[in-house]
Amino acid sequence: MSDNPLKVFERMDPELLRLIGQNRDFAFSGTALPQKYKHILVMVIDAVHGAPQGVRANAAAAMRAGATKEEIVEAVRVVHEVCGAGSAYTMAHALGDMF
């Protein structure tokens, strides 16, 4: 994802943008789960919500954090099993040119 979709809040509601960032920092803090798994979790949740841009951004972040292609593919299998074909289609749309 090239642009932050929340950038509009810099003008509209900077306090909301600050709180969203603070919550994200909190959610991604801690060490029990490696960062790559946190991004894979968000990637799968975005797939369930039909958000291909989020899937793509978090797949890329997961890979920067050390996730492998195989881990991403297994996440697609799991989301398909639990949440159905629509989620798999969202993942395919988002990841098509990454692999």
PDB file of N, CA and C in Angstrom:
ATOM      1  N   MET A   1       0.855  -1.152   0.000  1.00  0.00           N
ATOM      2  CA  MET A   1       0.000   0.000   0.000  1.00  0.00           C
ATOM      3  C   MET A   1       0.909   1.225   0.000  1.00  0.00           C
ATOM      4  N   SER A   2       0.723   2.100  -0.971  1.00  0.00           N
ATOM      5  CA  SER A   2       1.635   3.215  -1.116  1.00  0.00           C
ATOM      6  C   SER A   2       1.316   4.372  -0.180  1.00  0.00           C
ATOM      7  N   ASP A   3       0.039   4.674   0.024  1.00  0.00           N
ATOM      8  CA  ASP A   3      -0.354   5.785   0.871  1.00  0.00           C
ATOM      9  C   ASP A   3      -1.076   5.277   2.105  1.00  0.00           C
ATOM     10  N   ASN A   4      -0.874   5.986   3.198  1.00  0.00           N
ATOM     11  CA  ASN A   4      -1.597   5.656   4.425  1.00  0.00           C
ATOM     12  C   ASN A   4      -3.055   6.076   4.243  1.00  0.00           C
ATOM     13  N   PRO A   5      -4.002   5.140   4.296  1.00  0.00           N
ATOM     14  CA  PRO A   5      -5.401   5.509   4.089  1.00  0.00           C
ATOM     15  C   PRO A   5      -5.950   6.404   5.196  1.00  0.00           C
ATOM     16  N   LEU A   6      -5.252   6.482   6.312  1.00  0.00           N
ATOM     17  CA  LEU A   6      -5.708   7.314   7.430  1.00  0.00           C
ATOM     18  C   LEU A   6      -5.140   8.731   7.379  1.00  0.00           C
ATOM     19  N   LYS A   7      -4.335   9.019   6.373  1.00  0.00           N
ATOM     20  CA  LYS A   7      -3.693  10.330   6.251  1.00  0.00           C
ATOM     21  C   LYS A   7      -4.707  11.474   6.257  1.00  0.00           C
ATOM     22  N   VAL A   8      -5.895  11.218   5.750  1.00  0.00           N
ATOM     23  CA  VAL A   8      -6.935  12.249   5.712  1.00  0.00           C
ATOM     24  C   VAL A   8      -7.236  12.791   7.107  1.00  0.00           C
ATOM     25  N   PHE A   9      -7.029  11.971   8.130  1.00  0.00           N
ATOM     26  CA  PHE A   9      -7.302  12.407   9.494  1.00  0.00           C
ATOM     27  C   PHE A   9      -6.290  13.436  10.001  1.00  0.00           C
ATOM     28  N   GLU A  10      -5.157  13.601   9.296  1.00  0.00           N
ATOM     29  CA  GLU A  10      -4.226  14.666   9.671  1.00  0.00           C
ATOM     30  C   GLU A  10      -4.946  16.011   9.638  1.00  0.00           C
ATOM     31  N   ARG A  11      -5.838  16.169   8.657  1.00  0.00           N
ATOM     32  CA  ARG A  11      -6.601  17.421   8.524  1.00  0.00           C
ATOM     33  C   ARG A  11      -7.931  17.351   9.271  1.00  0.00           C
ATOM     34  N   MET A  12      -8.602  16.218   9.173  1.00  0.00           N
ATOM     35  CA  MET A  12      -9.953  16.108   9.720  1.00  0.00           C
ATOM     36  C   MET A  12      -9.994  15.988  11.231  1.00  0.00           C
ATOM     37  N   ASP A  13      -9.117  15.116  11.764  1.00  0.00           N
ATOM     38  CA  ASP A  13      -9.167  14.822  13.201  1.00  0.00           C
ATOM     39  C   ASP A  13      -7.819  14.289  13.662  1.00  0.00           C
ATOM     40  N   PRO A  14      -6.856  15.167  13.857  1.00  0.00           N
ATOM     41  CA  PRO A  14      -5.525  14.724  14.245  1.00  0.00           C
ATOM     42  C   PRO A  14      -5.493  13.944  15.551  1.00  0.00           C
ATOM     43  N   GLU A  15      -6.397  14.254  16.465  1.00  0.00           N
ATOM     44  CA  GLU A  15      -6.434  13.521  17.741  1.00  0.00           C
ATOM     45  C   GLU A  15      -6.820  12.065  17.508  1.00  0.00           C
ATOM     46  N   LEU A  16      -7.789  11.832  16.616  1.00  0.00           N
ATOM     47  CA  LEU A  16      -8.166  10.460  16.277  1.00  0.00           C
ATOM     48  C   LEU A  16      -6.981   9.725  15.664  1.00  0.00           C
ATOM     49  N   LEU A  17      -6.276  10.373  14.751  1.00  0.00           N
ATOM     50  CA  LEU A  17      -5.104   9.760  14.131  1.00  0.00           C
ATOM     51  C   LEU A  17      -4.061   9.394  15.186  1.00  0.00           C
ATOM     52  N   ARG A  18      -3.852  10.274  16.145  1.00  0.00           N
ATOM     53  CA  ARG A  18      -2.895   9.998  17.230  1.00  0.00           C
ATOM     54  C   ARG A  18      -3.335   8.784  18.040  1.00  0.00           C
ATOM     55  N   LEU A  19      -4.625   8.711  18.361  1.00  0.00           N
ATOM     56  CA  LEU A  19      -5.137   7.584  19.148  1.00  0.00           C
ATOM     57  C   LEU A  19      -5.049   6.263  18.379  1.00  0.00           C
ATOM     58  N   ILE A  20      -5.333   6.311  17.084  1.00  0.00           N
ATOM     59  CA  ILE A  20      -5.216   5.102  16.257  1.00  0.00           C
ATOM     60  C   ILE A  20      -3.764   4.621  16.260  1.00  0.00           C
ATOM     61  N   GLY A  21      -2.835   5.550  16.091  1.00  0.00           N
ATOM     62  CA  GLY A  21      -1.419   5.185  16.112  1.00  0.00           C
ATOM     63  C   GLY A  21      -0.987   4.635  17.455  1.00  0.00           C
ATOM     64  N   GLN A  22      -1.487   5.237  18.509  1.00  0.00           N
ATOM     65  CA  GLN A  22      -1.164   4.775  19.861  1.00  0.00           C
ATOM     66  C   GLN A  22      -1.698   3.351  20.078  1.00  0.00           C
ATOM     67  N   ASN A  23      -2.904   3.099  19.621  1.00  0.00           N
ATOM     68  CA  ASN A  23      -3.485   1.764  19.755  1.00  0.00           C
ATOM     69  C   ASN A  23      -2.700   0.742  18.931  1.00  0.00           C
ATOM     70  N   ARG A  24      -2.292   1.123  17.724  1.00  0.00           N
ATOM     71  CA  ARG A  24      -1.495   0.222  16.885  1.00  0.00           C
ATOM     72  C   ARG A  24      -0.175  -0.102  17.579  1.00  0.00           C
ATOM     73  N   ASP A  25       0.476   0.918  18.114  1.00  0.00           N
ATOM     74  CA  ASP A  25       1.740   0.684  18.823  1.00  0.00           C
ATOM     75  C   ASP A  25       1.537  -0.284  19.985  1.00  0.00           C
ATOM     76  N   PHE A  26       0.435  -0.099  20.718  1.00  0.00           N
ATOM     77  CA  PHE A  26       0.136  -0.999  21.832  1.00  0.00           C
ATOM     78  C   PHE A  26      -0.113  -2.425  21.332  1.00  0.00           C
ATOM     79  N   ALA A  27      -0.903  -2.563  20.272  1.00  0.00           N
ATOM     80  CA  ALA A  27      -1.241  -3.890  19.748  1.00  0.00           C
ATOM     81  C   ALA A  27      -0.005  -4.640  19.252  1.00  0.00           C
ATOM     82  N   PHE A  28       0.944  -3.908  18.688  1.00  0.00           N
ATOM     83  CA  PHE A  28       2.135  -4.559  18.146  1.00  0.00           C
ATOM     84  C   PHE A  28       3.294  -4.581  19.136  1.00  0.00           C
ATOM     85  N   SER A  29       3.054  -4.166  20.382  1.00  0.00           N
ATOM     86  CA  SER A  29       4.102  -4.242  21.394  1.00  0.00           C
ATOM     87  C   SER A  29       4.110  -5.646  21.991  1.00  0.00           C
ATOM     88  N   GLY A  30       5.025  -5.872  22.854  1.00  0.00           N
ATOM     89  CA  GLY A  30       5.130  -7.192  23.480  1.00  0.00           C
ATOM     90  C   GLY A  30       6.001  -8.115  22.659  1.00  0.00           C
ATOM     91  N   THR A  31       6.404  -9.183  23.283  1.00  0.00           N
ATOM     92  CA  THR A  31       7.353 -10.090  22.628  1.00  0.00           C
ATOM     93  C   THR A  31       6.876 -11.536  22.563  1.00  0.00           C
ATOM     94  N   ALA A  32       5.700 -11.845  23.096  1.00  0.00           N
ATOM     95  CA  ALA A  32       5.239 -13.236  23.098  1.00  0.00           C
ATOM     96  C   ALA A  32       5.009 -13.756  21.683  1.00  0.00           C
ATOM     97  N   LEU A  33       4.466 -12.912  20.814  1.00  0.00           N
ATOM     98  CA  LEU A  33       4.278 -13.277  19.409  1.00  0.00           C
ATOM     99  C   LEU A  33       5.283 -12.511  18.563  1.00  0.00           C
ATOM    100  N   PRO A  34       6.007 -13.197  17.699  1.00  0.00           N
ATOM    101  CA  PRO A  34       6.905 -12.481  16.788  1.00  0.00           C
ATOM    102  C   PRO A  34       6.109 -11.545  15.873  1.00  0.00           C
ATOM    103  N   GLN A  35       6.743 -10.453  15.456  1.00  0.00           N
ATOM    104  CA  GLN A  35       6.087  -9.473  14.597  1.00  0.00           C
ATOM    105  C   GLN A  35       5.504 -10.100  13.333  1.00  0.00           C
ATOM    106  N   LYS A  36       6.200 -11.070  12.748  1.00  0.00           N
ATOM    107  CA  LYS A  36       5.684 -11.659  11.510  1.00  0.00           C
ATOM    108  C   LYS A  36       4.320 -12.304  11.748  1.00  0.00           C
ATOM    109  N   TYR A  37       4.104 -12.923  12.897  1.00  0.00           N
ATOM    110  CA  TYR A  37       2.813 -13.546  13.173  1.00  0.00           C
ATOM    111  C   TYR A  37       1.731 -12.513  13.461  1.00  0.00           C
ATOM    112  N   LYS A  38       2.121 -11.412  14.081  1.00  0.00           N
ATOM    113  CA  LYS A  38       1.146 -10.337  14.306  1.00  0.00           C
ATOM    114  C   LYS A  38       0.647  -9.807  12.970  1.00  0.00           C
ATOM    115  N   HIS A  39       1.557  -9.621  12.019  1.00  0.00           N
ATOM    116  CA  HIS A  39       1.150  -9.131  10.696  1.00  0.00           C
ATOM    117  C   HIS A  39       0.345 -10.184   9.938  1.00  0.00           C
ATOM    118  N   ILE A  40       0.671 -11.445  10.095  1.00  0.00           N
ATOM    119  CA  ILE A  40      -0.130 -12.501   9.455  1.00  0.00           C
ATOM    120  C   ILE A  40      -1.537 -12.504  10.033  1.00  0.00           C
ATOM    121  N   LEU A  41      -1.668 -12.321  11.337  1.00  0.00           N
ATOM    122  CA  LEU A  41      -3.002 -12.245  11.947  1.00  0.00           C
ATOM    123  C   LEU A  41      -3.809 -11.095  11.353  1.00  0.00           C
ATOM    124  N   VAL A  42      -3.199  -9.932  11.260  1.00  0.00           N
ATOM    125  CA  VAL A  42      -3.906  -8.781  10.698  1.00  0.00           C
ATOM    126  C   VAL A  42      -4.232  -9.020   9.231  1.00  0.00           C
ATOM    127  N   MET A  43      -3.322  -9.642   8.496  1.00  0.00           N
ATOM    128  CA  MET A  43      -3.552  -9.975   7.091  1.00  0.00           C
ATOM    129  C   MET A  43      -4.803 -10.836   6.934  1.00  0.00           C
ATOM    130  N   VAL A  44      -4.932 -11.844   7.773  1.00  0.00           N
ATOM    131  CA  VAL A  44      -6.079 -12.748   7.712  1.00  0.00           C
ATOM    132  C   VAL A  44      -7.365 -12.015   8.101  1.00  0.00           C
ATOM    133  N   ILE A  45      -7.301 -11.196   9.120  1.00  0.00           N
ATOM    134  CA  ILE A  45      -8.490 -10.427   9.529  1.00  0.00           C
ATOM    135  C   ILE A  45      -8.912  -9.492   8.397  1.00  0.00           C
ATOM    136  N   ASP A  46      -7.952  -8.850   7.749  1.00  0.00           N
ATOM    137  CA  ASP A  46      -8.282  -7.992   6.609  1.00  0.00           C
ATOM    138  C   ASP A  46      -8.928  -8.798   5.479  1.00  0.00           C
ATOM    139  N   ALA A  47      -8.462 -10.014   5.265  1.00  0.00           N
ATOM    140  CA  ALA A  47      -9.075 -10.864   4.231  1.00  0.00           C
ATOM    141  C   ALA A  47     -10.526 -11.151   4.561  1.00  0.00           C
ATOM    142  N   VAL A  48     -10.802 -11.452   5.807  1.00  0.00           N
ATOM    143  CA  VAL A  48     -12.169 -11.736   6.242  1.00  0.00           C
ATOM    144  C   VAL A  48     -13.059 -10.510   6.051  1.00  0.00           C
ATOM    145  N   HIS A  49     -12.481  -9.331   6.238  1.00  0.00           N
ATOM    146  CA  HIS A  49     -13.239  -8.089   6.088  1.00  0.00           C
ATOM    147  C   HIS A  49     -13.248  -7.577   4.648  1.00  0.00           C
ATOM    148  N   GLY A  50     -12.644  -8.327   3.725  1.00  0.00           N
ATOM    149  CA  GLY A  50     -12.650  -7.931   2.322  1.00  0.00           C
ATOM    150  C   GLY A  50     -11.793  -6.720   2.020  1.00  0.00           C
ATOM    151  N   ALA A  51     -10.669  -6.591   2.700  1.00  0.00           N
ATOM    152  CA  ALA A  51      -9.784  -5.434   2.541  1.00  0.00           C
ATOM    153  C   ALA A  51      -8.461  -5.850   1.892  1.00  0.00           C
ATOM    154  N   PRO A  52      -8.426  -5.948   0.549  1.00  0.00           N
ATOM    155  CA  PRO A  52      -7.211  -6.431  -0.108  1.00  0.00           C
ATOM    156  C   PRO A  52      -5.988  -5.540   0.117  1.00  0.00           C
ATOM    157  N   GLN A  53      -6.189  -4.221   0.253  1.00  0.00           N
ATOM    158  CA  GLN A  53      -5.036  -3.351   0.495  1.00  0.00           C
ATOM    159  C   GLN A  53      -4.385  -3.674   1.837  1.00  0.00           C
ATOM    160  N   GLY A  54      -5.204  -3.968   2.834  1.00  0.00           N
ATOM    161  CA  GLY A  54      -4.666  -4.357   4.134  1.00  0.00           C
ATOM    162  C   GLY A  54      -3.970  -5.701   4.083  1.00  0.00           C
ATOM    163  N   VAL A  55      -4.550  -6.633   3.316  1.00  0.00           N
ATOM    164  CA  VAL A  55      -3.917  -7.945   3.142  1.00  0.00           C
ATOM    165  C   VAL A  55      -2.528  -7.757   2.557  1.00  0.00           C
ATOM    166  N   ARG A  56      -2.451  -6.984   1.489  1.00  0.00           N
ATOM    167  CA  ARG A  56      -1.174  -6.782   0.802  1.00  0.00           C
ATOM    168  C   ARG A  56      -0.156  -6.084   1.712  1.00  0.00           C
ATOM    169  N   ALA A  57      -0.583  -5.027   2.375  1.00  0.00           N
ATOM    170  CA  ALA A  57       0.336  -4.286   3.235  1.00  0.00           C
ATOM    171  C   ALA A  57       0.854  -5.160   4.374  1.00  0.00           C
ATOM    172  N   ASN A  58      -0.016  -5.961   4.959  1.00  0.00           N
ATOM    173  CA  ASN A  58       0.419  -6.791   6.089  1.00  0.00           C
ATOM    174  C   ASN A  58       1.189  -8.020   5.643  1.00  0.00           C
ATOM    175  N   ALA A  59       0.909  -8.543   4.460  1.00  0.00           N
ATOM    176  CA  ALA A  59       1.733  -9.634   3.926  1.00  0.00           C
ATOM    177  C   ALA A  59       3.154  -9.124   3.702  1.00  0.00           C
ATOM    178  N   ALA A  60       3.271  -7.937   3.129  1.00  0.00           N
ATOM    179  CA  ALA A  60       4.595  -7.352   2.901  1.00  0.00           C
ATOM    180  C   ALA A  60       5.307  -7.095   4.231  1.00  0.00           C
ATOM    181  N   ALA A  61       4.566  -6.571   5.214  1.00  0.00           N
ATOM    182  CA  ALA A  61       5.165  -6.313   6.532  1.00  0.00           C
ATOM    183  C   ALA A  61       5.591  -7.620   7.193  1.00  0.00           C
ATOM    184  N   ALA A  62       4.775  -8.654   7.064  1.00  0.00           N
ATOM    185  CA  ALA A  62       5.125  -9.956   7.630  1.00  0.00           C
ATOM    186  C   ALA A  62       6.400 -10.497   6.996  1.00  0.00           C
ATOM    187  N   MET A  63       6.506 -10.346   5.685  1.00  0.00           N
ATOM    188  CA  MET A  63       7.706 -10.841   5.006  1.00  0.00           C
ATOM    189  C   MET A  63       8.943 -10.020   5.389  1.00  0.00           C
ATOM    190  N   ARG A  64       8.770  -8.705   5.557  1.00  0.00           N
ATOM    191  CA  ARG A  64       9.895  -7.892   6.034  1.00  0.00           C
ATOM    192  C   ARG A  64      10.319  -8.323   7.432  1.00  0.00           C
ATOM    193  N   ALA A  65       9.362  -8.837   8.201  1.00  0.00           N
ATOM    194  CA  ALA A  65       9.652  -9.295   9.561  1.00  0.00           C
ATOM    195  C   ALA A  65      10.121 -10.752   9.588  1.00  0.00           C
ATOM    196  N   GLY A  66      10.267 -11.367   8.402  1.00  0.00           N
ATOM    197  CA  GLY A  66      10.825 -12.711   8.337  1.00  0.00           C
ATOM    198  C   GLY A  66       9.881 -13.818   7.934  1.00  0.00           C
ATOM    199  N   ALA A  67       8.627 -13.514   7.661  1.00  0.00           N
ATOM    200  CA  ALA A  67       7.689 -14.555   7.232  1.00  0.00           C
ATOM    201  C   ALA A  67       8.089 -15.079   5.853  1.00  0.00           C
ATOM    202  N   THR A  68       7.840 -16.338   5.648  1.00  0.00           N
ATOM    203  CA  THR A  68       8.149 -16.962   4.359  1.00  0.00           C
ATOM    204  C   THR A  68       6.900 -17.033   3.496  1.00  0.00           C
ATOM    205  N   LYS A  69       7.115 -17.278   2.216  1.00  0.00           N
ATOM    206  CA  LYS A  69       6.006 -17.490   1.288  1.00  0.00           C
ATOM    207  C   LYS A  69       5.141 -18.644   1.787  1.00  0.00           C
ATOM    208  N   GLU A  70       5.765 -19.672   2.293  1.00  0.00           N
ATOM    209  CA  GLU A  70       5.037 -20.845   2.781  1.00  0.00           C
ATOM    210  C   GLU A  70       4.127 -20.499   3.959  1.00  0.00           C
ATOM    211  N   GLU A  71       4.583 -19.638   4.842  1.00  0.00           N
ATOM    212  CA  GLU A  71       3.745 -19.216   5.974  1.00  0.00           C
ATOM    213  C   GLU A  71       2.541 -18.414   5.492  1.00  0.00           C
ATOM    214  N   ILE A  72       2.747 -17.557   4.508  1.00  0.00           N
ATOM    215  CA  ILE A  72       1.642 -16.782   3.949  1.00  0.00           C
ATOM    216  C   ILE A  72       0.636 -17.723   3.284  1.00  0.00           C
ATOM    217  N   VAL A  73       1.129 -18.688   2.519  1.00  0.00           N
ATOM    218  CA  VAL A  73       0.249 -19.657   1.836  1.00  0.00           C
ATOM    219  C   VAL A  73      -0.551 -20.469   2.850  1.00  0.00           C
ATOM    220  N   GLU A  74       0.070 -20.895   3.924  1.00  0.00           N
ATOM    221  CA  GLU A  74      -0.670 -21.652   4.942  1.00  0.00           C
ATOM    222  C   GLU A  74      -1.741 -20.791   5.590  1.00  0.00           C
ATOM    223  N   ALA A  75      -1.460 -19.514   5.777  1.00  0.00           N
ATOM    224  CA  ALA A  75      -2.474 -18.613   6.326  1.00  0.00           C
ATOM    225  C   ALA A  75      -3.666 -18.529   5.378  1.00  0.00           C
ATOM    226  N   VAL A  76      -3.417 -18.501   4.067  1.00  0.00           N
ATOM    227  CA  VAL A  76      -4.510 -18.495   3.087  1.00  0.00           C
ATOM    228  C   VAL A  76      -5.346 -19.768   3.231  1.00  0.00           C
ATOM    229  N   ARG A  77      -4.704 -20.902   3.409  1.00  0.00           N
ATOM    230  CA  ARG A  77      -5.437 -22.166   3.574  1.00  0.00           C
ATOM    231  C   ARG A  77      -6.326 -22.132   4.817  1.00  0.00           C
ATOM    232  N   VAL A  78      -5.779 -21.609   5.899  1.00  0.00           N
ATOM    233  CA  VAL A  78      -6.536 -21.560   7.149  1.00  0.00           C
ATOM    234  C   VAL A  78      -7.721 -20.618   7.024  1.00  0.00           C
ATOM    235  N   VAL A  79      -7.500 -19.429   6.466  1.00  0.00           N
ATOM    236  CA  VAL A  79      -8.608 -18.479   6.341  1.00  0.00           C
ATOM    237  C   VAL A  79      -9.682 -19.028   5.408  1.00  0.00           C
ATOM    238  N   HIS A  80      -9.284 -19.752   4.387  1.00  0.00           N
ATOM    239  CA  HIS A  80     -10.273 -20.370   3.497  1.00  0.00           C
ATOM    240  C   HIS A  80     -11.098 -21.407   4.248  1.00  0.00           C
ATOM    241  N   GLU A  81     -10.449 -22.226   5.035  1.00  0.00           N
ATOM    242  CA  GLU A  81     -11.156 -23.266   5.794  1.00  0.00           C
ATOM    243  C   GLU A  81     -12.148 -22.664   6.780  1.00  0.00           C
ATOM    244  N   VAL A  82     -11.716 -21.668   7.510  1.00  0.00           N
ATOM    245  CA  VAL A  82     -12.536 -21.128   8.584  1.00  0.00           C
ATOM    246  C   VAL A  82     -13.567 -20.116   8.076  1.00  0.00           C
ATOM    247  N   CYS A  83     -13.181 -19.317   7.094  1.00  0.00           N
ATOM    248  CA  CYS A  83     -14.026 -18.179   6.700  1.00  0.00           C
ATOM    249  C   CYS A  83     -14.570 -18.266   5.278  1.00  0.00           C
ATOM    250  N   GLY A  84     -14.121 -19.222   4.502  1.00  0.00           N
ATOM    251  CA  GLY A  84     -14.719 -19.442   3.202  1.00  0.00           C
ATOM    252  C   GLY A  84     -13.980 -18.838   2.020  1.00  0.00           C
ATOM    253  N   ALA A  85     -14.579 -19.099   0.863  1.00  0.00           N
ATOM    254  CA  ALA A  85     -13.957 -18.734  -0.408  1.00  0.00           C
ATOM    255  C   ALA A  85     -13.800 -17.234  -0.584  1.00  0.00           C
ATOM    256  N   GLY A  86     -14.729 -16.436  -0.065  1.00  0.00           N
ATOM    257  CA  GLY A  86     -14.618 -14.986  -0.229  1.00  0.00           C
ATOM    258  C   GLY A  86     -13.311 -14.453   0.327  1.00  0.00           C
ATOM    259  N   SER A  87     -12.906 -14.976   1.469  1.00  0.00           N
ATOM    260  CA  SER A  87     -11.638 -14.554   2.066  1.00  0.00           C
ATOM    261  C   SER A  87     -10.463 -14.976   1.198  1.00  0.00           C
ATOM    262  N   ALA A  88     -10.546 -16.171   0.642  1.00  0.00           N
ATOM    263  CA  ALA A  88      -9.471 -16.646  -0.231  1.00  0.00           C
ATOM    264  C   ALA A  88      -9.389 -15.795  -1.496  1.00  0.00           C
ATOM    265  N   TYR A  89     -10.530 -15.387  -2.029  1.00  0.00           N
ATOM    266  CA  TYR A  89     -10.532 -14.515  -3.206  1.00  0.00           C
ATOM    267  C   TYR A  89      -9.904 -13.155  -2.884  1.00  0.00           C
ATOM    268  N   THR A  90     -10.211 -12.618  -1.700  1.00  0.00           N
ATOM    269  CA  THR A  90      -9.600 -11.349  -1.295  1.00  0.00           C
ATOM    270  C   THR A  90      -8.087 -11.505  -1.188  1.00  0.00           C
ATOM    271  N   MET A  91      -7.652 -12.614  -0.604  1.00  0.00           N
ATOM    272  CA  MET A  91      -6.214 -12.882  -0.482  1.00  0.00           C
ATOM    273  C   MET A  91      -5.584 -13.004  -1.877  1.00  0.00           C
ATOM    274  N   ALA A  92      -6.241 -13.731  -2.777  1.00  0.00           N
ATOM    275  CA  ALA A  92      -5.705 -13.912  -4.125  1.00  0.00           C
ATOM    276  C   ALA A  92      -5.582 -12.567  -4.836  1.00  0.00           C
ATOM    277  N   HIS A  93      -6.601 -11.742  -4.713  1.00  0.00           N
ATOM    278  CA  HIS A  93      -6.576 -10.414  -5.341  1.00  0.00           C
ATOM    279  C   HIS A  93      -5.400  -9.592  -4.800  1.00  0.00           C
ATOM    280  N   ALA A  94      -5.192  -9.664  -3.507  1.00  0.00           N
ATOM    281  CA  ALA A  94      -4.165  -8.846  -2.865  1.00  0.00           C
ATOM    282  C   ALA A  94      -2.757  -9.370  -3.128  1.00  0.00           C
ATOM    283  N   LEU A  95      -2.595 -10.674  -3.191  1.00  0.00           N
ATOM    284  CA  LEU A  95      -1.264 -11.268  -3.236  1.00  0.00           C
ATOM    285  C   LEU A  95      -0.831 -11.694  -4.630  1.00  0.00           C
ATOM    286  N   GLY A  96      -1.718 -11.589  -5.612  1.00  0.00           N
ATOM    287  CA  GLY A  96      -1.477 -12.115  -6.949  1.00  0.00           C
ATOM    288  C   GLY A  96      -0.119 -11.809  -7.552  1.00  0.00           C
ATOM    289  N   ASP A  97       0.323 -10.587  -7.464  1.00  0.00           N
ATOM    290  CA  ASP A  97       1.603 -10.253  -8.097  1.00  0.00           C
ATOM    291  C   ASP A  97       2.784 -10.224  -7.127  1.00  0.00           C
ATOM    292  N   MET A  98       2.528 -10.622  -5.889  1.00  0.00           N
ATOM    293  CA  MET A  98       3.623 -10.657  -4.909  1.00  0.00           C
ATOM    294  C   MET A  98       4.422 -11.953  -4.990  1.00  0.00           C
ATOM    295  N   PHE A  99       3.790 -13.004  -5.502  1.00  0.00           N
ATOM    296  CA  PHE A  99       4.462 -14.316  -5.527  1.00  0.00           C
ATOM    297  C   PHE A  99       4.583 -14.833  -6.937  1.00  0.00           C
TER     298      PHE A  99
END
